[in-house]
Amino acid sequence: MGSESIILKTSSEIESLRKSNLVVAEILQKLKAEVAPGITTMDLEKRCEEELKKVSGARPAFKGYRGFPACLCTSVNEEVVHGMPSDKKTLNSGDILSVDFGVELDGFYGDSAFTIKVGDITAETEKLVAVTEESLNKAIDAARVGNRLHDISHAVQGYVEAEGFSVVRAFVGHGIGRELHEAPQVPNFGKPGTGVRLKEGMVLAIEPMISVGTWDIKVLKDGWTAVTSDGKMSAHFEHSVAITKDGPYVLSRL
């Protein structure tokens, strides 16, 4: 993908994106506090809707996007991404839950995701969640002026594979701004020193999706929910990050 299709943001646009992402971050923080054995993913969706109504001018980014029916993506255990909230999906101790959420506020988008444990989880699953989150931190650190796009990708892949996990290939991060998905795509795998040069004003939604077993996925009959093809656990973290002359600026971090 050529760099000419990437929209660089001004400092004022980045601050507008910060406002959108803060709405996302604050609501996700409240949802984290709700996660416990016995609640359903639809309970979280309803709480999200309640919180969103309190923010003047904000609307959910995912609901209605290509027909997606909800504000949240709630993906449990082997579900990698795009799980749909349901009153039939009750969380149990031992589960992990990935929550992905975005908003549009005053013409600018915010997007972030986390994975959280439910009750007590296995040591392997605990490590998966920790490695996935740390891979995002390493990717963010590589989001610097002068680096290449795939330096971000390799930061994820190199760390994750050294820890014995696999990087999902079918879904990637993306640019974000006045559209939810903009150029460039941001894969979580790649050769360092390749890809477009990172420039001041780029804003990227970086989102590693990491699995215990195979990186291969399949999409369920609902047309949305992506699961690992071997049924093993998967985790997902995401932040929207602006590339500035002073280094990466994590817009979706409180």
Protein backbone atom coordinates (compact mmCIF):
# COMPACT_ATOMS: atom_id res chain seq x y z
CA MET A 1 0.00 0.00 0.00
CA GLY A 2 1.46 3.33 -1.03
CA SER A 3 2.07 6.03 1.51
CA GLU A 4 0.18 8.50 -0.69
CA SER A 5 -3.12 6.93 0.45
CA ILE A 6 -2.32 7.46 4.14
CA ILE A 7 -3.97 10.53 5.65
CA LEU A 8 -1.65 12.45 7.98
CA LYS A 9 -3.41 14.21 10.85
CA THR A 10 -2.74 17.68 12.20
CA SER A 11 -2.12 18.24 15.90
CA SER A 12 -5.68 19.52 16.32
CA GLU A 13 -7.08 16.46 14.56
CA ILE A 14 -5.02 14.24 16.83
CA GLU A 15 -6.53 15.99 19.86
CA SER A 16 -10.01 15.37 18.42
CA LEU A 17 -9.07 11.70 18.04
CA ARG A 18 -7.86 11.75 21.65
CA LYS A 19 -11.32 12.90 22.77
CA SER A 20 -13.00 10.06 20.88
CA ASN A 21 -10.54 7.53 22.24
CA LEU A 22 -10.97 8.77 25.80
CA VAL A 23 -14.69 8.02 25.53
CA VAL A 24 -13.76 4.50 24.43
CA ALA A 25 -11.20 4.10 27.22
CA GLU A 26 -13.51 5.35 29.96
CA ILE A 27 -16.38 3.08 28.93
CA LEU A 28 -14.10 0.07 28.57
CA GLN A 29 -12.76 0.75 32.06
CA LYS A 30 -16.30 0.62 33.42
CA LEU A 31 -17.04 -2.58 31.54
CA LYS A 32 -13.93 -4.24 32.96
CA ALA A 33 -15.33 -3.72 36.44
CA GLU A 34 -18.52 -5.58 35.44
CA VAL A 35 -16.81 -8.75 34.20
CA ALA A 36 -17.45 -11.66 36.57
CA PRO A 37 -18.72 -15.25 36.43
CA GLY A 38 -22.48 -15.34 35.83
CA ILE A 39 -22.93 -12.24 33.71
CA THR A 40 -23.75 -12.45 30.03
CA THR A 41 -22.06 -10.66 27.17
CA MET A 42 -25.41 -8.96 26.52
CA ASP A 43 -25.24 -7.52 30.05
CA LEU A 44 -22.03 -5.77 28.99
CA GLU A 45 -23.61 -4.56 25.77
CA LYS A 46 -26.51 -3.01 27.68
CA ARG A 47 -24.15 -1.33 30.15
CA CYS A 48 -22.13 0.02 27.23
CA GLU A 49 -25.25 1.49 25.65
CA GLU A 50 -26.18 3.16 28.95
CA GLU A 51 -22.75 4.74 29.29
CA LEU A 52 -22.68 5.86 25.66
CA LYS A 53 -25.96 7.73 26.10
CA LYS A 54 -24.26 9.90 28.71
CA VAL A 55 -21.77 11.25 26.16
CA SER A 56 -23.29 13.99 24.03
CA GLY A 57 -22.68 13.47 20.32
CA ALA A 58 -21.03 10.06 20.63
CA ARG A 59 -22.30 7.09 18.67
CA PRO A 60 -21.12 3.48 18.49
CA ALA A 61 -18.70 2.85 15.65
CA PHE A 62 -19.46 -0.84 15.15
CA LYS A 63 -23.26 -0.97 15.38
CA GLY A 64 -24.58 -1.07 11.84
CA TYR A 65 -21.09 -1.26 10.33
CA ARG A 66 -21.50 -3.69 7.45
CA GLY A 67 -24.56 -4.94 9.31
CA PHE A 68 -22.90 -5.71 12.64
CA PRO A 69 -25.71 -5.67 15.25
CA ALA A 70 -23.99 -4.41 18.42
CA CYS A 71 -21.85 -1.71 20.01
CA LEU A 72 -19.35 -4.22 21.35
CA CYS A 73 -17.49 -7.19 19.97
CA THR A 74 -17.39 -9.72 22.83
CA SER A 75 -15.23 -12.74 22.04
CA VAL A 76 -14.91 -15.59 24.55
CA ASN A 77 -12.09 -18.16 24.75
CA GLU A 78 -11.43 -19.54 21.26
CA GLU A 79 -13.35 -16.66 19.69
CA VAL A 80 -10.66 -14.41 18.19
CA VAL A 81 -12.69 -11.36 17.23
CA HIS A 82 -16.15 -10.10 16.18
CA GLY A 83 -18.09 -12.15 18.71
CA MET A 84 -21.64 -10.83 19.07
CA PRO A 85 -23.12 -10.05 22.51
CA SER A 86 -25.82 -12.53 23.50
CA ASP A 87 -28.02 -13.14 26.53
CA LYS A 88 -27.24 -16.82 25.99
CA LYS A 89 -23.49 -16.35 26.42
CA THR A 90 -22.83 -16.54 30.16
CA LEU A 91 -19.29 -16.03 31.42
CA ASN A 92 -17.81 -18.74 33.63
CA SER A 93 -14.72 -18.94 35.80
CA GLY A 94 -11.83 -20.06 33.61
CA ASP A 95 -12.98 -18.06 30.59
CA ILE A 96 -11.23 -15.15 28.97
CA LEU A 97 -13.20 -12.36 27.34
CA SER A 98 -11.99 -10.00 24.64
CA VAL A 99 -13.94 -6.75 24.35
CA ASP A 100 -13.48 -4.49 21.31
CA PHE A 101 -15.24 -1.11 21.20
CA GLY A 102 -15.23 2.00 19.07
CA VAL A 103 -17.04 5.32 18.92
CA GLU A 104 -17.44 8.24 16.57
CA LEU A 105 -17.46 11.66 18.22
CA ASP A 106 -17.61 14.94 16.29
CA GLY A 107 -16.45 13.22 13.11
CA PHE A 108 -13.50 11.34 14.59
CA TYR A 109 -13.18 7.69 15.57
CA GLY A 110 -11.78 5.92 18.61
CA ASP A 111 -11.03 2.19 18.82
CA SER A 112 -9.56 -0.02 21.54
CA ALA A 113 -9.76 -3.56 22.90
CA PHE A 114 -8.69 -5.64 25.89
CA THR A 115 -8.79 -9.24 27.07
CA ILE A 116 -9.70 -9.98 30.69
CA LYS A 117 -9.81 -13.16 32.72
CA VAL A 118 -13.03 -14.39 34.31
CA GLY A 119 -12.42 -15.87 37.73
CA ASP A 120 -9.46 -18.27 37.87
CA ILE A 121 -7.77 -19.25 34.61
CA THR A 122 -5.01 -21.72 33.74
CA ALA A 123 -1.35 -20.71 33.84
CA GLU A 124 -1.13 -21.12 30.05
CA THR A 125 -4.10 -18.82 29.49
CA GLU A 126 -2.70 -16.31 31.98
CA LYS A 127 0.54 -16.27 30.00
CA LEU A 128 -1.36 -15.86 26.71
CA VAL A 129 -3.13 -12.74 27.98
CA ALA A 130 0.07 -11.26 29.41
CA VAL A 131 2.09 -11.94 26.25
CA THR A 132 -0.61 -10.47 24.03
CA GLU A 133 -0.75 -7.27 26.07
CA GLU A 134 3.03 -6.98 26.17
CA SER A 135 3.23 -7.53 22.39
CA LEU A 136 1.02 -4.47 21.98
CA ASN A 137 3.34 -2.46 24.21
CA LYS A 138 6.33 -3.54 22.10
CA ALA A 139 4.46 -2.64 18.90
CA ILE A 140 3.58 0.80 20.26
CA ASP A 141 7.24 1.41 21.12
CA ALA A 142 8.13 0.73 17.47
CA ALA A 143 5.57 3.30 16.22
CA ARG A 144 8.15 6.05 15.78
CA VAL A 145 8.97 8.55 13.05
CA GLY A 146 11.52 7.06 10.67
CA ASN A 147 10.76 3.42 11.43
CA ARG A 148 9.01 1.22 8.88
CA LEU A 149 5.46 -0.09 9.20
CA HIS A 150 6.57 -3.69 9.50
CA ASP A 151 8.88 -2.80 12.38
CA ILE A 152 5.60 -2.58 14.31
CA SER A 153 4.50 -5.91 12.85
CA HIS A 154 7.77 -7.64 13.68
CA ALA A 155 7.75 -6.29 17.23
CA VAL A 156 4.58 -8.33 17.77
CA GLN A 157 5.56 -11.43 15.83
CA GLY A 158 9.11 -11.73 17.12
CA TYR A 159 8.08 -11.50 20.76
CA VAL A 160 4.93 -13.65 20.53
CA GLU A 161 6.53 -16.52 18.62
CA ALA A 162 9.52 -16.55 20.98
CA GLU A 163 7.00 -17.07 23.80
CA GLY A 164 5.51 -20.07 21.99
CA PHE A 165 2.26 -18.52 20.73
CA SER A 166 1.02 -17.72 17.23
CA VAL A 167 -0.04 -14.51 15.49
CA VAL A 168 -3.43 -14.47 13.76
CA ARG A 169 -2.95 -13.54 10.09
CA ALA A 170 -6.53 -13.09 8.93
CA PHE A 171 -7.12 -9.83 10.83
CA VAL A 172 -4.87 -6.80 11.06
CA GLY A 173 -4.77 -3.33 12.54
CA HIS A 174 -5.49 -0.21 10.52
CA GLY A 175 -5.24 3.51 10.18
CA ILE A 176 -7.96 5.47 11.95
CA GLY A 177 -9.25 9.04 11.73
CA ARG A 178 -12.41 10.41 10.15
CA GLU A 179 -13.09 6.82 9.10
CA LEU A 180 -12.99 3.76 11.33
CA HIS A 181 -10.73 1.92 8.91
CA GLU A 182 -8.17 3.89 6.92
CA ALA A 183 -4.87 3.08 5.24
CA PRO A 184 -2.52 1.52 6.04
CA GLN A 185 -3.26 -2.00 7.16
CA VAL A 186 -1.10 -2.89 10.17
CA PRO A 187 -0.35 -6.62 10.22
CA ASN A 188 0.97 -8.28 13.36
CA PHE A 189 3.56 -10.22 11.36
CA GLY A 190 6.18 -9.04 8.93
CA LYS A 191 9.81 -8.44 8.10
CA PRO A 192 11.50 -5.56 9.96
CA GLY A 193 12.78 -2.71 7.83
CA THR A 194 9.97 -3.12 5.27
CA GLY A 195 6.68 -1.33 4.65
CA VAL A 196 6.01 2.38 4.38
CA ARG A 197 8.11 4.85 6.34
CA LEU A 198 6.35 6.02 9.50
CA LYS A 199 5.67 9.75 9.50
CA GLU A 200 4.52 12.31 12.01
CA GLY A 201 0.71 12.55 11.86
CA MET A 202 -0.02 8.92 11.14
CA VAL A 203 -2.62 7.44 13.48
CA LEU A 204 -2.77 3.65 13.73
CA ALA A 205 -5.06 1.21 15.52
CA ILE A 206 -2.57 -1.49 16.49
CA GLU A 207 -4.25 -4.73 17.56
CA PRO A 208 -2.42 -8.00 18.08
CA MET A 209 -4.62 -11.10 18.11
CA ILE A 210 -2.66 -14.03 19.51
CA SER A 211 -3.52 -17.71 19.87
CA VAL A 212 -2.23 -20.63 21.94
CA GLY A 213 -2.25 -23.02 18.99
CA THR A 214 -2.64 -22.41 15.29
CA TRP A 215 -2.96 -18.93 13.78
CA ASP A 216 -5.60 -20.29 11.40
CA ILE A 217 -9.20 -19.19 11.94
CA LYS A 218 -12.68 -19.96 10.70
CA VAL A 219 -15.81 -17.80 10.72
CA LEU A 220 -18.97 -19.24 12.27
CA LYS A 221 -22.36 -19.44 10.57
CA ASP A 222 -23.39 -16.06 11.99
CA GLY A 223 -21.01 -14.54 9.43
CA TRP A 224 -19.06 -12.58 12.05
CA THR A 225 -17.61 -14.61 14.90
CA ALA A 226 -14.06 -15.74 14.07
CA VAL A 227 -12.70 -18.66 16.09
CA THR A 228 -9.40 -20.51 16.16
CA SER A 229 -9.64 -23.51 13.86
CA ASP A 230 -8.19 -25.78 16.58
CA GLY A 231 -10.51 -24.48 19.33
CA LYS A 232 -7.65 -23.17 21.50
CA MET A 233 -7.67 -19.86 23.37
CA SER A 234 -7.03 -16.50 21.71
CA ALA A 235 -6.49 -12.99 23.14
CA HIS A 236 -6.77 -9.48 21.69
CA PHE A 237 -5.51 -6.06 22.76
CA GLU A 238 -5.76 -2.78 20.82
CA HIS A 239 -4.81 0.86 21.17
CA SER A 240 -5.15 3.79 18.79
CA VAL A 241 -1.73 5.43 18.54
CA ALA A 242 -0.58 8.71 16.99
CA ILE A 243 2.95 8.92 15.66
CA THR A 244 4.44 12.23 16.80
CA LYS A 245 7.88 13.83 16.72
CA ASP A 246 8.09 13.12 20.45
CA GLY A 247 7.26 9.42 20.06
CA PRO A 248 4.09 7.31 20.17
CA TYR A 249 1.04 8.99 21.72
CA VAL A 250 -1.45 6.36 22.92
CA LEU A 251 -4.80 8.04 22.35
CA SER A 252 -6.91 5.29 23.92
CA ARG A 253 -5.00 4.99 27.19
CA LEU A 254 -6.42 6.68 30.30
